[in-house]
Protein backbone atom coordinates (compact mmCIF):
# COMPACT_ATOMS: atom_id res chain seq x y z
CA MET A 1 123.96 93.10 131.12
CA PRO A 2 124.43 96.46 132.63
CA ASN A 3 127.40 98.56 131.80
CA THR A 4 129.66 97.87 134.62
CA GLU A 5 132.41 100.25 133.73
CA GLU A 6 133.25 102.91 136.24
CA LYS A 7 131.67 106.20 135.12
CA VAL A 8 131.22 109.43 136.75
CA TRP A 9 127.63 110.44 136.37
CA TYR A 10 126.66 114.05 136.17
CA TRP A 11 123.25 115.53 136.37
CA SER A 12 123.58 116.32 132.55
CA ASP A 13 124.17 112.67 131.94
CA LEU A 14 121.16 111.59 133.82
CA ALA A 15 118.86 114.20 132.02
CA ASP A 16 119.87 112.60 128.74
CA LEU A 17 118.93 109.01 129.72
CA THR A 18 116.02 106.97 128.01
CA HIS A 19 114.51 103.86 128.98
CA ALA A 20 116.87 101.84 126.78
CA THR A 21 120.10 103.68 128.13
CA GLN A 22 118.80 103.41 131.72
CA VAL A 23 118.50 99.83 131.38
CA GLU A 24 121.60 99.37 129.50
CA ASN A 25 123.66 101.19 132.21
CA PHE A 26 121.87 100.24 135.48
CA GLY A 27 120.19 97.08 134.56
CA PHE A 28 116.60 98.30 135.48
CA CYS A 29 114.10 101.09 135.10
CA THR A 30 111.62 102.23 137.49
CA CYS A 31 108.78 101.68 134.92
CA GLU A 32 109.03 98.05 135.53
CA GLU A 33 106.43 98.38 138.30
CA GLN A 34 104.14 100.24 135.66
CA GLU A 35 103.35 103.02 138.07
CA HIS A 36 105.90 105.57 137.11
CA PHE A 37 107.23 106.15 133.59
CA PRO A 38 110.11 108.36 133.69
CA TYR A 39 110.93 108.22 129.89
CA ASP A 40 108.83 108.75 126.83
CA ASP A 41 110.11 105.39 125.63
CA CYS A 42 109.05 103.35 128.58
CA PRO A 43 106.93 100.33 127.77
CA ARG A 44 103.16 100.45 128.92
CA PHE A 45 101.43 97.31 129.50
CA PHE A 46 97.63 96.65 129.03
CA GLN A 47 95.28 93.73 129.41
CA VAL A 48 93.07 93.23 126.47
CA LEU A 49 90.50 91.10 124.90
CA VAL A 50 91.50 89.97 121.54
CA SER A 51 89.53 88.30 118.67
CA TRP A 52 91.02 86.46 115.72
CA HIS A 53 90.10 87.77 112.20
CA GLU A 54 89.78 84.04 111.22
CA ASP A 55 87.32 83.21 113.96
CA PRO A 56 85.89 86.38 115.55
CA ASN A 57 84.01 84.36 118.21
CA ASP A 58 87.45 83.04 119.47
CA LYS A 59 88.38 85.66 122.05
CA THR A 60 91.40 85.62 124.32
CA LEU A 61 92.15 87.87 127.32
CA THR A 62 95.85 88.67 127.42
CA ASN A 63 98.62 91.27 127.85
CA VAL A 64 99.92 93.63 125.19
CA ALA A 65 102.66 96.38 125.44
CA ILE A 66 103.51 99.51 123.68
CA ALA A 67 107.24 99.40 123.76
CA PRO A 68 109.24 101.77 121.49
CA SER A 69 112.83 101.21 122.64
CA LEU A 70 112.78 97.57 123.33
CA SER A 71 114.18 96.71 120.00
CA ASP A 72 117.13 99.19 120.90
CA TYR A 73 117.98 96.90 123.69
CA PRO A 74 117.22 93.29 123.23
CA ASP A 75 118.37 92.22 126.93
CA ASP A 76 115.64 94.40 128.49
CA PRO A 77 113.91 91.89 130.82
CA LEU A 78 110.63 93.61 129.78
CA LEU A 79 111.17 92.16 126.19
CA ASN A 80 111.51 88.82 127.44
CA ASP A 81 108.21 88.50 129.52
CA ASP A 82 106.48 85.59 128.26
CA ARG A 83 103.26 87.01 129.72
CA ILE A 84 103.23 89.67 126.89
CA PHE A 85 101.20 88.41 123.71
CA PHE A 86 102.33 91.18 121.48
CA TYR A 87 104.70 94.20 121.45
CA PHE A 88 103.56 97.39 119.61
CA ALA A 89 106.15 99.83 118.60
CA ASN A 90 104.13 102.88 119.32
CA GLN A 91 100.62 104.04 120.18
CA GLU A 92 99.57 104.29 116.51
CA GLU A 93 100.30 100.66 115.97
CA TYR A 94 98.25 99.76 119.26
CA ASP A 95 95.35 101.99 117.94
CA GLN A 96 95.37 100.21 114.40
CA ALA A 97 95.11 96.96 116.22
CA LYS A 98 91.61 98.17 117.55
CA ARG A 99 90.23 98.57 113.98
CA PRO A 100 88.09 96.05 112.41
CA ASN A 101 89.57 93.52 109.86
CA PRO A 102 91.61 94.16 107.79
CA ASN A 103 93.96 96.08 110.33
CA GLY A 104 97.36 94.70 109.49
CA PHE A 105 97.30 92.14 112.48
CA GLU A 106 95.81 88.75 112.69
CA PHE A 107 93.89 89.87 115.60
CA ARG A 108 91.74 92.77 116.80
CA ILE A 109 91.71 94.26 120.29
CA GLU A 110 88.10 94.43 121.44
CA GLU A 111 88.46 95.73 124.89
CA THR A 112 91.26 97.15 126.88
CA ASN A 113 92.07 98.45 130.27
CA GLY A 114 94.22 101.35 129.08
């Protein structure tokens, strides 16, 4: 739920916003369209082909996200998007999921659009 208290916003306040605080205070972030990412912690979504370590021939086309700040703000609408198969905390985790078994995940990202 957005912060509805009356607040006077100064340019210095806006300069200190992050994705999490933007959503907390205003209920949205412009990154929701996935075209403009105003903050370093904005989630990024990718369509990927994953295979399962148990059965490498079982492949699934799905969506994943790199979303560093979503755990800071559990009401973020992007966190509750059921189209997202898996949320990675950072680019390093995402890259790790591309490595062959064992990579720390039950699956491996084989192909990606990002």
